[in-house]
Every structure is written in structure tokens, then in C-alpha cells.
């Protein structure tokens, strides 16, 4: 059954916005606290599939260390009783080694999308999709 609450005001949309805000603030502990203990996080382009909060935090902190001023700004969020989805603009400056990409010193900005499942007020699954081809073209690694 469809959830009658508009997507932009649904509480799940606010949880997704908060996750992006904590990601942009590079707050790994607070970000991990939004995830259920048995949650799933997938970064499809990187082939990164951390199995628990500790591995999620390592992925995030390694990303922030390699990509100066790293941000994921949501462009649009929709949500319902099962979770939500967001399109985002991911940007930063490639100042450190990033999985498969030695540091180039170049800035990048590209589009992506996240699919999010939520239950009991916590994220149970988050999957990111973005283009490695766009990243490689902007970093000059293709």
C-alpha cells in the first residue's frame, strides 16, 4: 500500500538528509549510528561491501583522506515507508590514493544515486551508484 505522506516530508527523507550531512561533515561515528547493527552498505562502482560498522567507518575515513573536501550533496530525495532514494552530486579533490586511482591532484564533480532501505528508524541498506568512467575522465586516469 502506498504511503500517503508526501515524499519530501516523510521522516525517512529526513534520515537520508541527515546521513548526507554527516557524510559531508566527515563524522563517521555519528553516521554509523544511523545504521542498524546488521545493515548493508554497498558502493557498487568501488566494489566495496563493508560487513559491519567498523568496516563502513574505515571505507568512509579512507575516502575522506584521499579526497580533499569530499562532499555528497543530495539533489533530490524521495522517501516512503520502506526507505527512499536520492540523486546526488559527489565532488572533491583527489589528493590521496583512492582504490584503483593513484592521487592526481585534480578536482572532480559527478552525479550519482543512492537507494536506501529503512526499518525501525535506522538504515538497513544503503547502495551507491556513480560512474567510474566520469571519475576517470575528470581525474585523467582513463
C-alpha atoms as a PDB file:
ATOM      1  CA  UNK A   1       0.000   0.000   0.000  1.00  0.00           C
ATOM      2  CA  UNK A   2       1.219   3.473  -0.836  1.00  0.00           C
ATOM      3  CA  UNK A   3       2.295   5.765   1.977  1.00  0.00           C
ATOM      4  CA  UNK A   4       0.040   8.889   1.934  1.00  0.00           C
ATOM      5  CA  UNK A   5       2.729  11.221   3.322  1.00  0.00           C
ATOM      6  CA  UNK A   6       4.466  13.333   0.620  1.00  0.00           C
ATOM      7  CA  UNK A   7       7.968  12.018  -0.097  1.00  0.00           C
ATOM      8  CA  UNK A   8       9.756  15.296   0.594  1.00  0.00           C
ATOM      9  CA  UNK A   9       8.338  15.486   4.142  1.00  0.00           C
ATOM     10  CA  UNK A  10       8.448  11.808   5.037  1.00  0.00           C
ATOM     11  CA  UNK A  11      10.619  11.108   8.133  1.00  0.00           C
ATOM     12  CA  UNK A  12      12.732   8.731   6.051  1.00  0.00           C
ATOM     13  CA  UNK A  13      13.686  11.638   3.770  1.00  0.00           C
ATOM     14  CA  UNK A  14      14.975  13.490   6.834  1.00  0.00           C
ATOM     15  CA  UNK A  15      17.046  10.457   7.903  1.00  0.00           C
ATOM     16  CA  UNK A  16      18.591  10.300   4.414  1.00  0.00           C
ATOM     17  CA  UNK A  17      19.324  14.060   4.528  1.00  0.00           C
ATOM     18  CA  UNK A  18      20.978  13.582   7.929  1.00  0.00           C
ATOM     19  CA  UNK A  19      23.156  10.773   6.561  1.00  0.00           C
ATOM     20  CA  UNK A  20      24.358  13.018   3.728  1.00  0.00           C
ATOM     21  CA  UNK A  21      25.016  15.842   6.213  1.00  0.00           C
ATOM     22  CA  UNK A  22      27.123  13.576   8.451  1.00  0.00           C
ATOM     23  CA  UNK A  23      28.975  12.250   5.393  1.00  0.00           C
ATOM     24  CA  UNK A  24      29.761  15.838   4.392  1.00  0.00           C
ATOM     25  CA  UNK A  25      30.854  16.649   7.939  1.00  0.00           C
ATOM     26  CA  UNK A  26      33.152  13.593   7.907  1.00  0.00           C
ATOM     27  CA  UNK A  27      31.525  12.287  11.098  1.00  0.00           C
ATOM     28  CA  UNK A  28      31.999   8.527  10.824  1.00  0.00           C
ATOM     29  CA  UNK A  29      30.777   7.554  14.314  1.00  0.00           C
ATOM     30  CA  UNK A  30      27.583   9.602  14.073  1.00  0.00           C
ATOM     31  CA  UNK A  31      26.987   8.382  10.521  1.00  0.00           C
ATOM     32  CA  UNK A  32      27.417   4.736  11.559  1.00  0.00           C
ATOM     33  CA  UNK A  33      24.922   5.278  14.395  1.00  0.00           C
ATOM     34  CA  UNK A  34      22.186   5.827  11.773  1.00  0.00           C
ATOM     35  CA  UNK A  35      22.685   2.252  10.524  1.00  0.00           C
ATOM     36  CA  UNK A  36      21.130  -0.858  12.081  1.00  0.00           C
ATOM     37  CA  UNK A  37      23.634  -3.294  13.556  1.00  0.00           C
ATOM     38  CA  UNK A  38      23.038  -5.799  10.750  1.00  0.00           C
ATOM     39  CA  UNK A  39      22.846  -3.198   7.970  1.00  0.00           C
ATOM     40  CA  UNK A  40      24.299  -3.478   4.493  1.00  0.00           C
ATOM     41  CA  UNK A  41      26.356  -0.783   2.760  1.00  0.00           C
ATOM     42  CA  UNK A  42      27.444  -1.137  -0.876  1.00  0.00           C
ATOM     43  CA  UNK A  43      29.473   1.190  -3.053  1.00  0.00           C
ATOM     44  CA  UNK A  44      28.877  -0.592  -6.347  1.00  0.00           C
ATOM     45  CA  UNK A  45      31.471   1.239  -8.511  1.00  0.00           C
ATOM     46  CA  UNK A  46      34.255   0.633  -5.994  1.00  0.00           C
ATOM     47  CA  UNK A  47      33.199  -2.946  -5.354  1.00  0.00           C
ATOM     48  CA  UNK A  48      33.208  -2.010  -1.661  1.00  0.00           C
ATOM     49  CA  UNK A  49      30.924  -4.104   0.538  1.00  0.00           C
ATOM     50  CA  UNK A  50      31.784  -3.471   4.202  1.00  0.00           C
ATOM     51  CA  UNK A  51      30.321  -6.090   6.541  1.00  0.00           C
ATOM     52  CA  UNK A  52      29.887  -4.073   9.736  1.00  0.00           C
ATOM     53  CA  UNK A  53      30.066  -0.586  11.224  1.00  0.00           C
ATOM     54  CA  UNK A  54      33.848  -0.735  11.696  1.00  0.00           C
ATOM     55  CA  UNK A  55      34.393  -1.562   8.016  1.00  0.00           C
ATOM     56  CA  UNK A  56      31.909   1.148   6.959  1.00  0.00           C
ATOM     57  CA  UNK A  57      33.772   3.724   9.030  1.00  0.00           C
ATOM     58  CA  UNK A  58      37.093   2.632   7.516  1.00  0.00           C
ATOM     59  CA  UNK A  59      35.709   2.988   3.983  1.00  0.00           C
ATOM     60  CA  UNK A  60      34.360   6.453   4.777  1.00  0.00           C
ATOM     61  CA  UNK A  61      37.511   7.707   6.536  1.00  0.00           C
ATOM     62  CA  UNK A  62      39.769   6.312   3.786  1.00  0.00           C
ATOM     63  CA  UNK A  63      37.605   8.122   1.222  1.00  0.00           C
ATOM     64  CA  UNK A  64      37.745  11.398   3.139  1.00  0.00           C
ATOM     65  CA  UNK A  65      41.541  11.076   3.500  1.00  0.00           C
ATOM     66  CA  UNK A  66      42.045  10.542  -0.253  1.00  0.00           C
ATOM     67  CA  UNK A  67      39.529  13.093  -1.488  1.00  0.00           C
ATOM     68  CA  UNK A  68      40.051  16.555  -0.018  1.00  0.00           C
ATOM     69  CA  UNK A  69      36.804  18.473   0.578  1.00  0.00           C
ATOM     70  CA  UNK A  70      34.806  15.342  -0.308  1.00  0.00           C
ATOM     71  CA  UNK A  71      31.067  16.011  -0.412  1.00  0.00           C
ATOM     72  CA  UNK A  72      27.929  14.207  -1.484  1.00  0.00           C
ATOM     73  CA  UNK A  73      25.238  16.846  -1.905  1.00  0.00           C
ATOM     74  CA  UNK A  74      21.735  15.443  -2.389  1.00  0.00           C
ATOM     75  CA  UNK A  75      19.952  16.993  -5.358  1.00  0.00           C
ATOM     76  CA  UNK A  76      16.646  15.212  -4.835  1.00  0.00           C
ATOM     77  CA  UNK A  77      15.308  12.819  -2.208  1.00  0.00           C
ATOM     78  CA  UNK A  78      12.160  10.709  -2.315  1.00  0.00           C
ATOM     79  CA  UNK A  79      11.006   8.516   0.548  1.00  0.00           C
ATOM     80  CA  UNK A  80       8.202   6.265   1.683  1.00  0.00           C
ATOM     81  CA  UNK A  81       7.535   3.767   4.446  1.00  0.00           C
ATOM     82  CA  UNK A  82      10.234   1.383   3.178  1.00  0.00           C
ATOM     83  CA  UNK A  83      13.105   3.812   2.670  1.00  0.00           C
ATOM     84  CA  UNK A  84      13.997   6.129  -0.154  1.00  0.00           C
ATOM     85  CA  UNK A  85      16.304   7.195  -2.914  1.00  0.00           C
ATOM     86  CA  UNK A  86      18.425  10.223  -3.644  1.00  0.00           C
ATOM     87  CA  UNK A  87      20.313  11.663  -6.543  1.00  0.00           C
ATOM     88  CA  UNK A  88      23.492  13.441  -5.516  1.00  0.00           C
ATOM     89  CA  UNK A  89      26.485  15.383  -6.748  1.00  0.00           C
ATOM     90  CA  UNK A  90      29.759  13.935  -5.459  1.00  0.00           C
ATOM     91  CA  UNK A  91      32.776  16.234  -5.503  1.00  0.00           C
ATOM     92  CA  UNK A  92      36.211  16.763  -4.057  1.00  0.00           C
ATOM     93  CA  UNK A  93      39.889  16.990  -4.916  1.00  0.00           C
ATOM     94  CA  UNK A  94      41.852  13.788  -5.482  1.00  0.00           C
ATOM     95  CA  UNK A  95      44.845  14.397  -3.204  1.00  0.00           C
ATOM     96  CA  UNK A  96      45.462  10.850  -1.953  1.00  0.00           C
ATOM     97  CA  UNK A  97      45.321   7.326  -3.261  1.00  0.00           C
ATOM     98  CA  UNK A  98      41.753   6.158  -3.771  1.00  0.00           C
ATOM     99  CA  UNK A  99      41.021   2.478  -4.504  1.00  0.00           C
ATOM    100  CA  UNK A 100      42.287   1.909  -8.028  1.00  0.00           C
ATOM    101  CA  UNK A 101      43.211   5.574  -8.523  1.00  0.00           C
ATOM    102  CA  UNK A 102      46.632   6.955  -7.516  1.00  0.00           C
ATOM    103  CA  UNK A 103      46.434  10.627  -6.446  1.00  0.00           C
ATOM    104  CA  UNK A 104      46.180  13.111  -9.329  1.00  0.00           C
ATOM    105  CA  UNK A 105      45.579  16.412  -7.508  1.00  0.00           C
ATOM    106  CA  UNK A 106      42.576  17.051  -9.771  1.00  0.00           C
ATOM    107  CA  UNK A 107      39.114  18.156  -8.692  1.00  0.00           C
ATOM    108  CA  UNK A 108      36.027  16.235  -9.753  1.00  0.00           C
ATOM    109  CA  UNK A 109      32.256  16.580  -9.655  1.00  0.00           C
ATOM    110  CA  UNK A 110      29.899  13.857 -10.825  1.00  0.00           C
ATOM    111  CA  UNK A 111      26.351  12.630 -10.422  1.00  0.00           C
ATOM    112  CA  UNK A 112      25.244   9.512  -8.596  1.00  0.00           C
ATOM    113  CA  UNK A 113      22.309   7.900  -6.856  1.00  0.00           C
ATOM    114  CA  UNK A 114      21.652   6.136  -3.572  1.00  0.00           C
ATOM    115  CA  UNK A 115      18.978   3.563  -2.815  1.00  0.00           C
ATOM    116  CA  UNK A 116      18.151   3.297   0.879  1.00  0.00           C
ATOM    117  CA  UNK A 117      16.080   0.857   2.930  1.00  0.00           C
ATOM    118  CA  UNK A 118      14.956   1.907   6.395  1.00  0.00           C
ATOM    119  CA  UNK A 119      13.231  -0.001   9.185  1.00  0.00           C
ATOM    120  CA  UNK A 120      12.664   0.927  12.794  1.00  0.00           C
ATOM    121  CA  UNK A 121      14.098   4.389  12.245  1.00  0.00           C
ATOM    122  CA  UNK A 122      17.514   3.091  11.132  1.00  0.00           C
ATOM    123  CA  UNK A 123      19.146   2.458   7.790  1.00  0.00           C
ATOM    124  CA  UNK A 124      19.166  -1.248   6.972  1.00  0.00           C
ATOM    125  CA  UNK A 125      20.697  -0.980   3.493  1.00  0.00           C
ATOM    126  CA  UNK A 126      22.398   1.811   1.522  1.00  0.00           C
ATOM    127  CA  UNK A 127      23.671   1.315  -2.012  1.00  0.00           C
ATOM    128  CA  UNK A 128      25.554   3.974  -4.001  1.00  0.00           C
ATOM    129  CA  UNK A 129      25.823   4.102  -7.788  1.00  0.00           C
ATOM    130  CA  UNK A 130      28.058   6.515  -9.695  1.00  0.00           C
ATOM    131  CA  UNK A 131      30.130   6.391 -12.881  1.00  0.00           C
ATOM    132  CA  UNK A 132      33.754   5.280 -12.683  1.00  0.00           C
ATOM    133  CA  UNK A 133      34.042   6.445 -16.310  1.00  0.00           C
ATOM    134  CA  UNK A 134      33.120  10.011 -15.312  1.00  0.00           C
ATOM    135  CA  UNK A 135      35.554   9.836 -12.379  1.00  0.00           C
ATOM    136  CA  UNK A 136      38.398   8.543 -14.588  1.00  0.00           C
ATOM    137  CA  UNK A 137      37.765  11.173 -17.266  1.00  0.00           C
ATOM    138  CA  UNK A 138      37.852  14.019 -14.746  1.00  0.00           C
ATOM    139  CA  UNK A 139      40.908  12.673 -12.923  1.00  0.00           C
ATOM    140  CA  UNK A 140      42.742  11.926 -16.176  1.00  0.00           C
ATOM    141  CA  UNK A 141      43.225   8.268 -15.280  1.00  0.00           C
ATOM    142  CA  UNK A 142      41.293   6.714 -18.177  1.00  0.00           C
END
